Amino acid sequence: MVGSGLFADDAGVCRCTWCEATPLYRAYHDTEWGFPVADDRRLFEKICLEGFQSGLSWLTILNKREGFRRGFANFEVDKLARFGEKDIERLVGDAGIVRHRGKIVSAINNAHRAMELRDEFGSLAAYFWRHEPDARSRPKRVTRKALLAMTTSAESVAISKDLKKRGWSFVGPTTVYAFMQAMGLVNDHIEGCHVREAALAARARFKAPR
């Protein structure tokens, strides 16, 4: 019997309901979401894309992710920080991305801020993973009801506040919590999802950068 917040595919494999819509969504859920990441490029890409998602669905962003990568220099911080007005106008006219001028300008600004963060902490990974929640503060069981209530956390509020103080934009607590879910700082695969144990095992093997 499939539990609340889960669905079973034709093979009987249970997954979190939110990824049911398309094979691309399911592949993202199975191989990326909730697995720990220490790569600075991936971390920066994700926090930028979470900012673009604001007001939209993640599936919309996922469907355009390759377009974003082409348009934003694959989210290589040093390259993106060199973007200027011509690049902004080019991106505003790029149908392969979400053409929101404020969010485009934000991503370029955040590249500059990311360079500063990297200089201070050695890497973006070292900065973000220092905010990993204590396992004892997490729910004993991740259910659909618990997940619906977890749109922010004390850690996401703290990160958001600190990033904004450092000049970042489009990094509200909800955006940051979604980033934490995706990058494996928390494991919010619902109990019974076939990926949950794999994500937990990946975190057990993972050495958080300091």
C-alpha atoms as a PDB file:
ATOM      1  CA  MET A   1       0.000   0.000   0.000  1.00  0.00           C
ATOM      2  CA  VAL A   2       1.408   3.396  -1.041  1.00  0.00           C
ATOM      3  CA  GLY A   3       1.629   5.879   1.824  1.00  0.00           C
ATOM      4  CA  SER A   4       0.527   9.499   1.839  1.00  0.00           C
ATOM      5  CA  GLY A   5       2.827  11.725  -0.161  1.00  0.00           C
ATOM      6  CA  LEU A   6       4.054   8.830  -2.302  1.00  0.00           C
ATOM      7  CA  PHE A   7       3.137   7.355  -5.660  1.00  0.00           C
ATOM      8  CA  ALA A   8       4.060   4.045  -7.271  1.00  0.00           C
ATOM      9  CA  ASP A   9       5.125   3.787 -10.916  1.00  0.00           C
ATOM     10  CA  ASP A  10       4.194   0.918 -13.235  1.00  0.00           C
ATOM     11  CA  ALA A  11       6.998  -1.187 -11.739  1.00  0.00           C
ATOM     12  CA  GLY A  12       5.717  -0.551  -8.223  1.00  0.00           C
ATOM     13  CA  VAL A  13       8.603   1.739  -7.245  1.00  0.00           C
ATOM     14  CA  CYS A  14       7.519   4.331  -4.664  1.00  0.00           C
ATOM     15  CA  ARG A  15       8.620   7.942  -4.925  1.00  0.00           C
ATOM     16  CA  CYS A  16       7.722  11.312  -3.432  1.00  0.00           C
ATOM     17  CA  THR A  17       4.548  12.556  -5.113  1.00  0.00           C
ATOM     18  CA  TRP A  18       6.018  15.889  -6.198  1.00  0.00           C
ATOM     19  CA  CYS A  19       8.130  14.235  -8.925  1.00  0.00           C
ATOM     20  CA  GLU A  20       5.305  12.290 -10.564  1.00  0.00           C
ATOM     21  CA  ALA A  21       4.687  14.622 -13.522  1.00  0.00           C
ATOM     22  CA  THR A  22       7.454  13.644 -15.979  1.00  0.00           C
ATOM     23  CA  PRO A  23      10.357  11.187 -16.440  1.00  0.00           C
ATOM     24  CA  LEU A  24      12.791  14.126 -16.196  1.00  0.00           C
ATOM     25  CA  TYR A  25      11.330  15.083 -12.828  1.00  0.00           C
ATOM     26  CA  ARG A  26      11.582  11.494 -11.593  1.00  0.00           C
ATOM     27  CA  ALA A  27      15.199  11.224 -12.737  1.00  0.00           C
ATOM     28  CA  TYR A  28      16.047  14.442 -10.888  1.00  0.00           C
ATOM     29  CA  HIS A  29      14.351  13.089  -7.764  1.00  0.00           C
ATOM     30  CA  ASP A  30      16.120   9.722  -8.006  1.00  0.00           C
ATOM     31  CA  THR A  31      19.665  10.920  -8.726  1.00  0.00           C
ATOM     32  CA  GLU A  32      20.059  14.486  -7.447  1.00  0.00           C
ATOM     33  CA  TRP A  33      17.530  15.727  -4.903  1.00  0.00           C
ATOM     34  CA  GLY A  34      18.654  15.111  -1.335  1.00  0.00           C
ATOM     35  CA  PHE A  35      22.121  13.780  -2.183  1.00  0.00           C
ATOM     36  CA  PRO A  36      25.004  15.728  -0.586  1.00  0.00           C
ATOM     37  CA  VAL A  37      26.932  18.094  -2.856  1.00  0.00           C
ATOM     38  CA  ALA A  38      30.324  19.681  -2.200  1.00  0.00           C
ATOM     39  CA  ASP A  39      30.973  21.025  -5.709  1.00  0.00           C
ATOM     40  CA  ASP A  40      30.957  24.835  -5.715  1.00  0.00           C
ATOM     41  CA  ARG A  41      29.660  25.144  -9.267  1.00  0.00           C
ATOM     42  CA  ARG A  42      26.665  22.941  -8.541  1.00  0.00           C
ATOM     43  CA  LEU A  43      25.939  24.725  -5.280  1.00  0.00           C
ATOM     44  CA  PHE A  44      26.042  28.125  -6.941  1.00  0.00           C
ATOM     45  CA  GLU A  45      23.919  26.959  -9.861  1.00  0.00           C
ATOM     46  CA  LYS A  46      21.288  25.576  -7.520  1.00  0.00           C
ATOM     47  CA  ILE A  47      20.954  28.621  -5.327  1.00  0.00           C
ATOM     48  CA  CYS A  48      20.640  30.789  -8.442  1.00  0.00           C
ATOM     49  CA  LEU A  49      18.021  28.514  -9.982  1.00  0.00           C
ATOM     50  CA  GLU A  50      16.082  28.395  -6.730  1.00  0.00           C
ATOM     51  CA  GLY A  51      15.957  32.183  -6.956  1.00  0.00           C
ATOM     52  CA  PHE A  52      14.602  31.942 -10.496  1.00  0.00           C
ATOM     53  CA  GLN A  53      12.012  29.453  -9.289  1.00  0.00           C
ATOM     54  CA  SER A  54      10.426  32.014  -6.962  1.00  0.00           C
ATOM     55  CA  GLY A  55       6.754  32.181  -7.980  1.00  0.00           C
ATOM     56  CA  LEU A  56       7.135  29.242 -10.381  1.00  0.00           C
ATOM     57  CA  SER A  57       7.393  25.447 -10.163  1.00  0.00           C
ATOM     58  CA  TRP A  58      10.739  23.657  -9.998  1.00  0.00           C
ATOM     59  CA  LEU A  59       9.659  21.626 -13.036  1.00  0.00           C
ATOM     60  CA  THR A  60       9.539  24.855 -15.069  1.00  0.00           C
ATOM     61  CA  ILE A  61      13.131  25.590 -14.080  1.00  0.00           C
ATOM     62  CA  LEU A  62      14.281  22.001 -14.565  1.00  0.00           C
ATOM     63  CA  ASN A  63      12.898  21.986 -18.107  1.00  0.00           C
ATOM     64  CA  LYS A  64      14.970  25.097 -18.830  1.00  0.00           C
ATOM     65  CA  ARG A  65      18.084  24.117 -16.886  1.00  0.00           C
ATOM     66  CA  GLU A  66      20.228  23.483 -19.955  1.00  0.00           C
ATOM     67  CA  GLY A  67      19.155  26.848 -21.342  1.00  0.00           C
ATOM     68  CA  PHE A  68      20.179  28.480 -18.079  1.00  0.00           C
ATOM     69  CA  ARG A  69      23.545  26.738 -18.205  1.00  0.00           C
ATOM     70  CA  ARG A  70      24.181  27.956 -21.746  1.00  0.00           C
ATOM     71  CA  GLY A  71      23.081  31.476 -20.946  1.00  0.00           C
ATOM     72  CA  PHE A  72      24.878  31.852 -17.614  1.00  0.00           C
ATOM     73  CA  ALA A  73      28.321  30.458 -18.508  1.00  0.00           C
ATOM     74  CA  ASN A  74      27.452  27.132 -16.855  1.00  0.00           C
ATOM     75  CA  PHE A  75      27.234  29.052 -13.578  1.00  0.00           C
ATOM     76  CA  GLU A  76      31.014  29.336 -13.373  1.00  0.00           C
ATOM     77  CA  VAL A  77      31.260  32.086 -10.780  1.00  0.00           C
ATOM     78  CA  ASP A  78      34.314  33.860 -12.203  1.00  0.00           C
ATOM     79  CA  LYS A  79      32.886  33.941 -15.727  1.00  0.00           C
ATOM     80  CA  LEU A  80      29.412  35.025 -14.664  1.00  0.00           C
ATOM     81  CA  ALA A  81      30.833  37.831 -12.530  1.00  0.00           C
ATOM     82  CA  ARG A  82      32.240  39.384 -15.718  1.00  0.00           C
ATOM     83  CA  PHE A  83      28.793  39.718 -17.326  1.00  0.00           C
ATOM     84  CA  GLY A  84      27.723  43.270 -18.157  1.00  0.00           C
ATOM     85  CA  GLU A  85      24.800  45.175 -19.641  1.00  0.00           C
ATOM     86  CA  LYS A  86      25.075  43.490 -23.058  1.00  0.00           C
ATOM     87  CA  ASP A  87      24.836  40.093 -21.402  1.00  0.00           C
ATOM     88  CA  ILE A  88      21.816  41.200 -19.385  1.00  0.00           C
ATOM     89  CA  GLU A  89      20.018  42.345 -22.542  1.00  0.00           C
ATOM     90  CA  ARG A  90      20.944  39.103 -24.288  1.00  0.00           C
ATOM     91  CA  LEU A  91      19.511  37.074 -21.423  1.00  0.00           C
ATOM     92  CA  VAL A  92      16.324  39.147 -21.231  1.00  0.00           C
ATOM     93  CA  GLY A  93      15.703  38.087 -24.834  1.00  0.00           C
ATOM     94  CA  ASP A  94      16.614  34.412 -24.333  1.00  0.00           C
ATOM     95  CA  ALA A  95      13.513  32.212 -24.537  1.00  0.00           C
ATOM     96  CA  GLY A  96      15.520  29.292 -23.141  1.00  0.00           C
ATOM     97  CA  ILE A  97      15.432  30.770 -19.638  1.00  0.00           C
ATOM     98  CA  VAL A  98      13.051  32.638 -17.347  1.00  0.00           C
ATOM     99  CA  ARG A  99      13.382  36.184 -18.691  1.00  0.00           C
ATOM    100  CA  HIS A 100      13.042  38.120 -15.461  1.00  0.00           C
ATOM    101  CA  ARG A 101      15.421  41.075 -15.485  1.00  0.00           C
ATOM    102  CA  GLY A 102      15.578  41.352 -11.716  1.00  0.00           C
ATOM    103  CA  LYS A 103      16.492  37.694 -11.306  1.00  0.00           C
ATOM    104  CA  ILE A 104      19.068  37.880 -14.107  1.00  0.00           C
ATOM    105  CA  VAL A 105      20.748  40.871 -12.483  1.00  0.00           C
ATOM    106  CA  SER A 106      20.549  39.061  -9.147  1.00  0.00           C
ATOM    107  CA  ALA A 107      22.416  36.010 -10.470  1.00  0.00           C
ATOM    108  CA  ILE A 108      25.247  38.204 -11.746  1.00  0.00           C
ATOM    109  CA  ASN A 109      25.375  40.113  -8.462  1.00  0.00           C
ATOM    110  CA  ASN A 110      25.389  36.861  -6.538  1.00  0.00           C
ATOM    111  CA  ALA A 111      28.375  35.658  -8.562  1.00  0.00           C
ATOM    112  CA  HIS A 112      30.357  38.611  -7.200  1.00  0.00           C
ATOM    113  CA  ARG A 113      29.142  37.873  -3.693  1.00  0.00           C
ATOM    114  CA  ALA A 114      30.009  34.181  -4.124  1.00  0.00           C
ATOM    115  CA  MET A 115      33.586  35.121  -4.973  1.00  0.00           C
ATOM    116  CA  GLU A 116      33.766  37.081  -1.731  1.00  0.00           C
ATOM    117  CA  LEU A 117      32.317  34.169   0.207  1.00  0.00           C
ATOM    118  CA  ARG A 118      34.816  31.797  -1.403  1.00  0.00           C
ATOM    119  CA  ASP A 119      37.698  34.086  -0.471  1.00  0.00           C
ATOM    120  CA  GLU A 120      36.546  34.184   3.144  1.00  0.00           C
ATOM    121  CA  PHE A 121      35.674  30.521   3.709  1.00  0.00           C
ATOM    122  CA  GLY A 122      37.826  28.759   1.101  1.00  0.00           C
ATOM    123  CA  SER A 123      34.812  27.458  -0.831  1.00  0.00           C
ATOM    124  CA  LEU A 124      31.065  27.882  -1.088  1.00  0.00           C
ATOM    125  CA  ALA A 125      30.761  24.315   0.149  1.00  0.00           C
ATOM    126  CA  ALA A 126      32.614  25.134   3.352  1.00  0.00           C
ATOM    127  CA  TYR A 127      30.249  28.033   3.964  1.00  0.00           C
ATOM    128  CA  PHE A 128      26.994  26.196   3.319  1.00  0.00           C
ATOM    129  CA  TRP A 129      27.873  22.938   5.064  1.00  0.00           C
ATOM    130  CA  ARG A 130      28.744  24.757   8.278  1.00  0.00           C
ATOM    131  CA  HIS A 131      24.979  25.368   8.471  1.00  0.00           C
ATOM    132  CA  GLU A 132      23.970  21.710   8.244  1.00  0.00           C
ATOM    133  CA  PRO A 133      21.294  21.063  10.893  1.00  0.00           C
ATOM    134  CA  ASP A 134      22.068  18.813  13.819  1.00  0.00           C
ATOM    135  CA  ALA A 135      20.440  15.460  13.068  1.00  0.00           C
ATOM    136  CA  ARG A 136      18.706  15.601  16.450  1.00  0.00           C
ATOM    137  CA  SER A 137      16.791  18.700  15.363  1.00  0.00           C
ATOM    138  CA  ARG A 138      15.216  16.906  12.424  1.00  0.00           C
ATOM    139  CA  PRO A 139      11.863  15.059  12.496  1.00  0.00           C
ATOM    140  CA  LYS A 140      12.181  11.407  13.452  1.00  0.00           C
ATOM    141  CA  ARG A 141       9.946  10.526  10.493  1.00  0.00           C
ATOM    142  CA  VAL A 142       9.568  12.574   7.318  1.00  0.00           C
ATOM    143  CA  THR A 143       5.899  12.287   6.409  1.00  0.00           C
ATOM    144  CA  ARG A 144       3.833  14.271   3.923  1.00  0.00           C
ATOM    145  CA  LYS A 145       2.343  16.279   6.783  1.00  0.00           C
ATOM    146  CA  ALA A 146       5.779  17.034   8.223  1.00  0.00           C
ATOM    147  CA  LEU A 147       7.167  17.951   4.800  1.00  0.00           C
ATOM    148  CA  LEU A 148       4.337  20.385   4.097  1.00  0.00           C
ATOM    149  CA  ALA A 149       5.194  22.130   7.358  1.00  0.00           C
ATOM    150  CA  MET A 150       8.918  22.300   6.584  1.00  0.00           C
ATOM    151  CA  THR A 151       9.170  25.198   4.143  1.00  0.00           C
ATOM    152  CA  THR A 152      11.820  26.915   6.258  1.00  0.00           C
ATOM    153  CA  SER A 153      14.050  26.018   9.185  1.00  0.00           C
ATOM    154  CA  ALA A 154      16.125  27.830  11.760  1.00  0.00           C
ATOM    155  CA  GLU A 155      19.159  27.152   9.570  1.00  0.00           C
ATOM    156  CA  SER A 156      17.570  28.436   6.365  1.00  0.00           C
ATOM    157  CA  VAL A 157      16.506  31.605   8.168  1.00  0.00           C
ATOM    158  CA  ALA A 158      20.056  32.076   9.479  1.00  0.00           C
ATOM    159  CA  ILE A 159      21.648  31.480   6.069  1.00  0.00           C
ATOM    160  CA  SER A 160      19.161  33.803   4.362  1.00  0.00           C
ATOM    161  CA  LYS A 161      19.795  36.556   6.872  1.00  0.00           C
ATOM    162  CA  ASP A 162      23.564  36.206   6.561  1.00  0.00           C
ATOM    163  CA  LEU A 163      23.576  36.100   2.754  1.00  0.00           C
ATOM    164  CA  LYS A 164      21.365  39.176   2.535  1.00  0.00           C
ATOM    165  CA  LYS A 165      23.712  40.962   4.924  1.00  0.00           C
ATOM    166  CA  ARG A 166      26.523  40.064   2.534  1.00  0.00           C
ATOM    167  CA  GLY A 167      24.646  41.554  -0.429  1.00  0.00           C
ATOM    168  CA  TRP A 168      23.034  38.482  -1.973  1.00  0.00           C
ATOM    169  CA  SER A 169      19.500  38.733  -3.385  1.00  0.00           C
ATOM    170  CA  PHE A 170      16.612  36.313  -4.062  1.00  0.00           C
ATOM    171  CA  VAL A 171      17.765  34.200  -1.124  1.00  0.00           C
ATOM    172  CA  GLY A 172      14.770  34.226   1.217  1.00  0.00           C
ATOM    173  CA  PRO A 173      14.383  31.516   3.893  1.00  0.00           C
ATOM    174  CA  THR A 174      12.034  29.390   1.737  1.00  0.00           C
ATOM    175  CA  THR A 175      14.398  29.585  -1.243  1.00  0.00           C
ATOM    176  CA  VAL A 176      17.332  28.633   0.974  1.00  0.00           C
ATOM    177  CA  TYR A 177      15.447  25.714   2.512  1.00  0.00           C
ATOM    178  CA  ALA A 178      14.625  24.353  -0.951  1.00  0.00           C
ATOM    179  CA  PHE A 179      18.342  24.661  -1.736  1.00  0.00           C
ATOM    180  CA  MET A 180      19.188  22.732   1.448  1.00  0.00           C
ATOM    181  CA  GLN A 181      16.746  19.969   0.491  1.00  0.00           C
ATOM    182  CA  ALA A 182      18.189  19.653  -2.997  1.00  0.00           C
ATOM    183  CA  MET A 183      21.854  19.762  -1.997  1.00  0.00           C
ATOM    184  CA  GLY A 184      21.537  17.154   0.753  1.00  0.00           C
ATOM    185  CA  LEU A 185      21.940  19.358   3.814  1.00  0.00           C
ATOM    186  CA  VAL A 186      18.626  17.816   4.824  1.00  0.00           C
ATOM    187  CA  ASN A 187      17.001  14.601   3.604  1.00  0.00           C
ATOM    188  CA  ASP A 188      13.312  15.235   2.977  1.00  0.00           C
ATOM    189  CA  HIS A 189      12.517  12.148   0.931  1.00  0.00           C
ATOM    190  CA  ILE A 190       9.335  10.866   2.545  1.00  0.00           C
ATOM    191  CA  GLU A 191       9.427   7.633   4.551  1.00  0.00           C
ATOM    192  CA  GLY A 192       8.744   4.822   2.079  1.00  0.00           C
ATOM    193  CA  CYS A 193      10.328   6.602  -0.906  1.00  0.00           C
ATOM    194  CA  HIS A 194      12.817   4.222  -2.491  1.00  0.00           C
ATOM    195  CA  VAL A 195      15.481   6.963  -2.647  1.00  0.00           C
ATOM    196  CA  ARG A 196      15.433   7.913   1.029  1.00  0.00           C
ATOM    197  CA  GLU A 197      17.825   5.203   2.222  1.00  0.00           C
ATOM    198  CA  ALA A 198      20.197   5.798  -0.707  1.00  0.00           C
ATOM    199  CA  ALA A 199      20.368   9.499   0.179  1.00  0.00           C
ATOM    200  CA  LEU A 200      21.020   8.640   3.830  1.00  0.00           C
ATOM    201  CA  ALA A 201      23.788   6.240   2.812  1.00  0.00           C
ATOM    202  CA  ALA A 202      25.339   8.894   0.568  1.00  0.00           C
ATOM    203  CA  ARG A 203      25.362  11.346   3.465  1.00  0.00           C
ATOM    204  CA  ALA A 204      27.000   8.748   5.736  1.00  0.00           C
ATOM    205  CA  ARG A 205      29.837   8.404   3.209  1.00  0.00           C
ATOM    206  CA  PHE A 206      30.089  12.150   2.595  1.00  0.00           C
ATOM    207  CA  LYS A 207      32.728  14.224   4.353  1.00  0.00           C
ATOM    208  CA  ALA A 208      31.345  17.707   4.843  1.00  0.00           C
ATOM    209  CA  PRO A 209      33.913  20.363   3.828  1.00  0.00           C
ATOM    210  CA  ARG A 210      35.057  22.642   6.599  1.00  0.00           C
END
